[in-house]
Amino acid sequence: MAIPTTRAKECADISIDIEKCNGCGLCVSVCKDFSLIIEDGKVKVSKTPLFGCIACGHCMAICPTGAIEIHGRELSPQDLFDLPPKESAANYEQILSLFQRRRSVREFLNKSVEPHIREQIIKAAATAPMGLPPSDVSLLILDGKDKTRAFAQDFANYLEGMKWFVSKWFLALMRPLWGKANDEMFRGFVKPLFKTYTEGMKAGENLINYDAPLAIYFYGSPYCDPADPIIAATYAMVAAEALGLGTCMLGGVHPLIQNGKKAAQLREKYGIKYKSREGLFVIFGYSAVKYRRGIERTFANITN
């Protein structure tokens, strides 16, 4: 039985050119669905796969003779490309330098992000690993300060009707149900966030998405691995840093637009197709500030 996504309900088809197959078995070694076997010195499609071909493309990508083609689940041989030479890839020091230079930027120049830069960011983000192909991550693109400001205003108006969510009586009611950690988070973070967002917009100060010249919301479908939108957003953020943009992840919007009739209306207005277990807004723009030092970060715990 095929693993369903919003984009594919059936298994992909595996085609094998026996004349091209040299029986090396590389495809078998990388197929974790057990869709391929070696028989009589040639690769064949197994009759007992785990799920059926999910179109990860590993077999096509590793075959030295081009003997395998996958069709279906949004994949075809036309999607293959030659890997860039290893020498062209960034080394560890370069990658670490890029990561260390990145800081969360919320102050932007009054300058648009060029369309070709935006497309480069999206192209890089699309290479992110996913729980299951084809990717069920969707993007909402707010291109221009007017659009990010309009979304922020709509979101602030939505929060005005949600203030009961952080009221004393509601938090007192919910504390025994969702526990100490959630209670502390709501009282110490979510409640002040409501006030900051709504009162800021009334005063003409956009503290929701900072009037960024570009914002992209990464979200999933009900079938999506919860990690997928977050990984794609991270790739986008790193790519933007490499392209000379400042970036910032915004975690305060996504959780608040998932449930309820008004949330559904806001999602519909902006073409957000699904509720999503995880999602993330990332804002982009040319930084109006210049940081001179980095800050060392650590993990909470490392156990060997």
Protein backbone atom coordinates (compact mmCIF):
# COMPACT_ATOMS: atom_id res chain seq x y z
CA MET A 1 0.00 0.00 0.00
CA ALA A 2 1.37 3.42 -0.94
CA ILE A 3 2.17 5.99 1.73
CA PRO A 4 -0.21 8.90 1.04
CA THR A 5 0.59 12.59 0.84
CA THR A 6 -1.53 15.43 -0.51
CA ARG A 7 0.42 15.18 -3.76
CA ALA A 8 0.56 11.41 -4.24
CA LYS A 9 -1.68 8.52 -3.27
CA GLU A 10 -0.08 5.80 -5.38
CA CYS A 11 3.32 4.16 -5.49
CA ALA A 12 5.79 5.28 -8.13
CA ASP A 13 6.64 2.98 -11.05
CA ILE A 14 10.12 1.49 -11.38
CA SER A 15 11.41 0.82 -14.89
CA ILE A 16 14.58 -1.19 -15.45
CA ASP A 17 16.56 -1.41 -18.68
CA ILE A 18 18.05 -4.89 -18.35
CA GLU A 19 20.47 -4.26 -21.21
CA LYS A 20 22.03 -1.35 -19.31
CA CYS A 21 22.11 -3.08 -15.90
CA ASN A 22 25.55 -4.39 -14.93
CA GLY A 23 24.33 -6.10 -11.77
CA CYS A 24 26.46 -3.98 -9.42
CA GLY A 25 23.74 -3.95 -6.76
CA LEU A 26 24.25 -0.34 -5.71
CA CYS A 27 20.58 0.42 -6.21
CA VAL A 28 19.61 -2.51 -3.99
CA SER A 29 21.91 -1.30 -1.22
CA VAL A 30 20.33 2.17 -1.07
CA CYS A 31 16.65 1.17 -1.46
CA LYS A 32 15.28 1.01 2.07
CA ASP A 33 11.86 0.02 0.79
CA PHE A 34 13.34 -3.29 -0.42
CA SER A 35 11.75 -2.63 -3.80
CA LEU A 36 14.76 -3.99 -5.68
CA ILE A 37 16.56 -7.32 -5.71
CA ILE A 38 19.40 -8.91 -7.68
CA GLU A 39 18.41 -12.05 -9.52
CA ASP A 40 20.49 -13.87 -12.12
CA GLY A 41 23.01 -11.05 -12.05
CA LYS A 42 20.47 -8.32 -12.88
CA VAL A 43 18.33 -5.97 -10.83
CA LYS A 44 14.63 -6.69 -10.67
CA VAL A 45 11.62 -5.21 -8.95
CA SER A 46 10.79 -7.05 -5.74
CA LYS A 47 7.36 -8.53 -5.20
CA THR A 48 7.56 -7.88 -1.47
CA PRO A 49 8.48 -4.21 -0.91
CA LEU A 50 7.97 -2.61 2.46
CA PHE A 51 5.56 0.13 1.32
CA GLY A 52 6.00 0.37 -2.42
CA CYS A 53 8.27 2.87 -4.17
CA ILE A 54 8.05 6.30 -2.51
CA ALA A 55 10.12 7.97 -5.27
CA CYS A 56 13.08 8.98 -3.14
CA GLY A 57 15.15 8.64 -6.33
CA HIS A 58 18.17 7.06 -4.62
CA CYS A 59 18.34 4.18 -7.09
CA MET A 60 18.32 6.52 -10.12
CA ALA A 61 20.86 8.80 -8.50
CA ILE A 62 23.36 6.05 -7.75
CA CYS A 63 23.03 3.83 -10.85
CA PRO A 64 26.30 4.12 -12.85
CA THR A 65 24.71 3.07 -16.14
CA GLY A 66 21.33 4.84 -16.05
CA ALA A 67 19.47 1.53 -16.03
CA ILE A 68 16.69 2.63 -13.65
CA GLU A 69 13.93 5.15 -14.14
CA ILE A 70 11.30 6.20 -11.60
CA HIS A 71 8.02 7.70 -12.72
CA GLY A 72 5.33 8.97 -10.39
CA ARG A 73 4.91 10.75 -7.06
CA GLU A 74 6.16 13.97 -8.72
CA LEU A 75 9.43 12.33 -9.86
CA SER A 76 10.79 11.49 -13.31
CA PRO A 77 14.24 11.01 -14.90
CA GLN A 78 14.07 14.67 -16.00
CA ASP A 79 14.55 15.64 -12.35
CA LEU A 80 18.05 14.19 -12.24
CA PHE A 81 21.06 16.49 -12.42
CA ASP A 82 24.79 15.93 -12.14
CA LEU A 83 26.11 16.65 -8.68
CA PRO A 84 28.41 19.67 -8.43
CA PRO A 85 32.05 18.61 -8.04
CA LYS A 86 33.17 18.09 -4.47
CA GLU A 87 35.82 20.78 -4.93
CA SER A 88 33.08 23.39 -5.42
CA ALA A 89 31.39 22.62 -2.11
CA ALA A 90 32.02 24.79 0.94
CA ASN A 91 34.38 23.27 3.50
CA TYR A 92 33.65 23.08 7.21
CA GLU A 93 35.39 26.35 8.06
CA GLN A 94 33.37 28.19 5.42
CA ILE A 95 30.09 26.68 6.60
CA LEU A 96 30.91 27.46 10.24
CA SER A 97 31.83 31.02 9.30
CA LEU A 98 28.49 31.47 7.53
CA PHE A 99 26.61 30.12 10.56
CA GLN A 100 28.59 32.28 12.97
CA ARG A 101 28.03 35.45 10.94
CA ARG A 102 24.27 35.00 10.92
CA ARG A 103 22.28 36.84 13.54
CA SER A 104 18.58 37.53 13.84
CA VAL A 105 17.93 40.79 12.01
CA ARG A 106 14.75 42.80 12.51
CA GLU A 107 15.96 46.15 11.19
CA PHE A 108 15.89 46.42 7.40
CA LEU A 109 16.86 48.98 4.81
CA ASN A 110 14.07 50.43 2.72
CA LYS A 111 15.08 48.19 -0.16
CA SER A 112 13.18 45.39 -1.86
CA VAL A 113 14.51 41.86 -2.14
CA GLU A 114 15.07 41.27 -5.84
CA PRO A 115 12.94 38.54 -7.48
CA HIS A 116 15.99 36.52 -8.55
CA ILE A 117 17.31 36.55 -4.95
CA ARG A 118 13.94 35.35 -3.70
CA GLU A 119 13.95 32.53 -6.25
CA GLN A 120 17.47 31.51 -5.25
CA ILE A 121 16.33 31.26 -1.63
CA ILE A 122 13.38 29.07 -2.61
CA LYS A 123 15.55 26.87 -4.82
CA ALA A 124 17.96 26.28 -1.96
CA ALA A 125 15.14 25.60 0.52
CA ALA A 126 13.64 23.00 -1.83
CA THR A 127 16.79 20.88 -1.43
CA ALA A 128 16.00 20.34 2.27
CA PRO A 129 15.65 16.71 3.34
CA MET A 130 12.10 15.57 4.00
CA GLY A 131 10.41 12.83 5.95
CA LEU A 132 8.69 11.46 2.88
CA PRO A 133 8.69 12.48 -0.78
CA PRO A 134 7.14 14.29 -2.48
CA SER A 135 7.48 17.23 -0.12
CA ASP A 136 4.26 18.32 1.53
CA VAL A 137 5.70 21.67 2.58
CA SER A 138 3.86 24.72 1.25
CA LEU A 139 5.03 28.33 1.13
CA LEU A 140 3.17 31.59 1.57
CA ILE A 141 5.25 34.46 0.16
CA LEU A 142 4.60 38.02 1.30
CA ASP A 143 6.70 40.04 -1.12
CA GLY A 144 6.97 43.71 -0.21
CA LYS A 145 6.60 45.85 2.91
CA ASP A 146 2.99 46.63 2.07
CA LYS A 147 2.11 42.93 2.10
CA THR A 148 3.97 42.09 5.30
CA ARG A 149 2.37 45.11 6.99
CA ALA A 150 -1.10 44.08 5.78
CA PHE A 151 -0.63 40.58 7.15
CA ALA A 152 0.62 41.96 10.46
CA GLN A 153 -2.43 44.22 10.75
CA ASP A 154 -4.81 41.35 10.00
CA PHE A 155 -3.01 39.18 12.52
CA ALA A 156 -3.20 41.91 15.18
CA ASN A 157 -6.92 42.36 14.52
CA TYR A 158 -7.34 38.61 14.86
CA LEU A 159 -5.50 38.64 18.21
CA GLU A 160 -7.79 41.41 19.49
CA GLY A 161 -10.62 38.90 19.34
CA MET A 162 -8.50 36.24 21.02
CA LYS A 163 -7.54 38.06 24.22
CA TRP A 164 -9.59 35.65 26.30
CA PHE A 165 -6.90 33.10 25.39
CA VAL A 166 -4.46 34.84 27.74
CA SER A 167 -6.99 36.08 30.30
CA LYS A 168 -6.53 35.33 34.01
CA TRP A 169 -9.58 33.09 34.19
CA PHE A 170 -8.57 31.02 31.15
CA LEU A 171 -4.98 30.56 32.31
CA ALA A 172 -6.19 29.57 35.78
CA LEU A 173 -8.61 27.08 34.23
CA MET A 174 -6.00 25.53 31.96
CA ARG A 175 -3.07 25.30 34.39
CA PRO A 176 -4.08 21.92 35.86
CA LEU A 177 -4.70 20.58 32.36
CA TRP A 178 -1.56 21.62 30.49
CA GLY A 179 0.91 21.66 33.36
CA LYS A 180 3.49 23.94 34.90
CA ALA A 181 5.75 24.43 31.86
CA ASN A 182 2.90 25.50 29.56
CA ASP A 183 1.47 27.75 32.27
CA GLU A 184 4.81 29.48 32.69
CA MET A 185 5.19 29.84 28.92
CA PHE A 186 1.75 31.39 28.52
CA ARG A 187 2.11 33.78 31.45
CA GLY A 188 5.70 34.75 30.72
CA PHE A 189 5.73 34.75 26.91
CA VAL A 190 2.41 34.35 25.11
CA LYS A 191 0.44 36.86 27.19
CA PRO A 192 3.07 39.65 26.86
CA LEU A 193 3.38 38.78 23.17
CA PHE A 194 -0.34 39.42 22.63
CA LYS A 195 0.05 42.84 24.25
CA THR A 196 3.22 43.69 22.33
CA TYR A 197 1.73 42.71 18.98
CA THR A 198 -1.64 44.43 19.36
CA GLU A 199 -0.54 47.61 21.13
CA GLY A 200 2.43 47.96 18.80
CA MET A 201 0.21 47.94 15.73
CA LYS A 202 -2.14 50.50 17.33
CA ALA A 203 0.88 52.74 17.84
CA GLY A 204 1.99 52.24 14.25
CA GLU A 205 4.91 49.97 15.15
CA ASN A 206 4.93 46.56 13.49
CA LEU A 207 6.53 44.18 15.98
CA ILE A 208 4.96 41.15 14.32
CA ASN A 209 7.05 40.95 11.16
CA TYR A 210 8.87 44.31 11.37
CA ASP A 211 7.67 45.49 7.94
CA ALA A 212 10.25 43.20 6.37
CA PRO A 213 10.53 43.49 2.58
CA LEU A 214 10.04 39.73 2.29
CA ALA A 215 8.42 37.12 4.51
CA ILE A 216 7.95 33.43 3.75
CA TYR A 217 5.74 31.12 5.79
CA PHE A 218 6.72 27.45 5.64
CA TYR A 219 3.99 25.04 6.68
CA GLY A 220 2.95 21.45 6.14
CA SER A 221 -0.13 19.37 5.38
CA PRO A 222 -1.84 16.85 7.65
CA TYR A 223 0.38 14.18 6.03
CA CYS A 224 3.61 16.14 6.45
CA ASP A 225 6.43 15.18 8.77
CA PRO A 226 6.32 17.94 11.43
CA ALA A 227 10.03 18.62 11.00
CA ASP A 228 9.86 19.28 7.26
CA PRO A 229 8.70 22.95 7.31
CA ILE A 230 11.26 23.81 9.98
CA ILE A 231 14.14 22.25 8.05
CA ALA A 232 13.10 23.98 4.82
CA ALA A 233 12.84 27.31 6.65
CA THR A 234 16.33 26.78 8.08
CA TYR A 235 17.76 26.09 4.64
CA ALA A 236 16.10 29.27 3.35
CA MET A 237 17.54 31.31 6.18
CA VAL A 238 21.08 30.02 5.60
CA ALA A 239 20.79 30.55 1.85
CA ALA A 240 19.65 34.13 2.42
CA GLU A 241 22.62 34.79 4.67
CA ALA A 242 24.92 33.55 1.90
CA LEU A 243 23.16 35.94 -0.50
CA GLY A 244 23.81 38.95 1.72
CA LEU A 245 20.42 39.27 3.42
CA GLY A 246 19.52 39.56 7.06
CA THR A 247 16.99 37.04 8.37
CA CYS A 248 14.94 36.22 11.42
CA MET A 249 12.74 33.28 12.32
CA LEU A 250 9.37 34.29 13.81
CA GLY A 251 7.84 31.65 16.04
CA GLY A 252 4.96 33.66 17.46
CA VAL A 253 2.53 33.57 14.53
CA HIS A 254 2.20 29.95 13.44
CA PRO A 255 0.84 28.39 16.68
CA LEU A 256 -1.86 31.04 16.97
CA ILE A 257 -3.41 30.57 13.52
CA GLN A 258 -4.05 26.84 13.67
CA ASN A 259 -7.29 26.43 15.57
CA GLY A 260 -10.73 27.97 15.53
CA LYS A 261 -13.08 29.54 13.01
CA LYS A 262 -11.33 32.93 12.93
CA ALA A 263 -7.96 31.27 12.41
CA ALA A 264 -9.43 29.34 9.49
CA GLN A 265 -10.76 32.58 8.01
CA LEU A 266 -7.33 34.22 8.29
CA ARG A 267 -5.67 31.21 6.65
CA GLU A 268 -8.22 31.24 3.86
CA LYS A 269 -7.70 34.95 3.20
CA TYR A 270 -3.98 34.37 2.65
CA GLY A 271 -4.28 31.12 0.74
CA ILE A 272 -2.79 29.02 3.53
CA LYS A 273 -4.07 25.63 2.49
CA TYR A 274 -3.77 23.57 5.69
CA LYS A 275 -3.52 23.57 9.42
CA SER A 276 0.01 22.44 10.19
CA ARG A 277 1.47 20.78 13.26
CA GLU A 278 4.65 22.80 12.78
CA GLY A 279 5.37 25.87 10.73
CA LEU A 280 7.59 28.91 10.70
CA PHE A 281 7.70 32.44 9.30
CA VAL A 282 11.08 33.74 8.16
CA ILE A 283 11.61 37.40 7.34
CA PHE A 284 14.28 38.61 4.93
CA GLY A 285 15.80 41.91 3.91
CA TYR A 286 18.94 43.96 3.60
CA SER A 287 20.13 44.64 7.12
CA ALA A 288 20.14 48.21 8.41
CA VAL A 289 22.51 47.25 11.22
CA LYS A 290 25.94 45.66 11.34
CA TYR A 291 26.95 43.28 14.10
CA ARG A 292 30.63 43.15 14.99
CA ARG A 293 30.69 40.20 17.37
CA GLY A 294 29.09 36.81 17.67
CA ILE A 295 27.78 35.06 20.76
CA GLU A 296 28.68 31.50 21.71
CA ARG A 297 25.65 29.22 22.04
CA THR A 298 25.37 25.89 23.81
CA PHE A 299 22.99 22.94 23.98
CA ALA A 300 20.98 22.22 27.11
CA ASN A 301 22.53 18.78 27.45
CA ILE A 302 24.77 16.37 25.60
CA THR A 303 24.74 12.73 26.68
CA ASN A 304 27.24 10.20 25.36
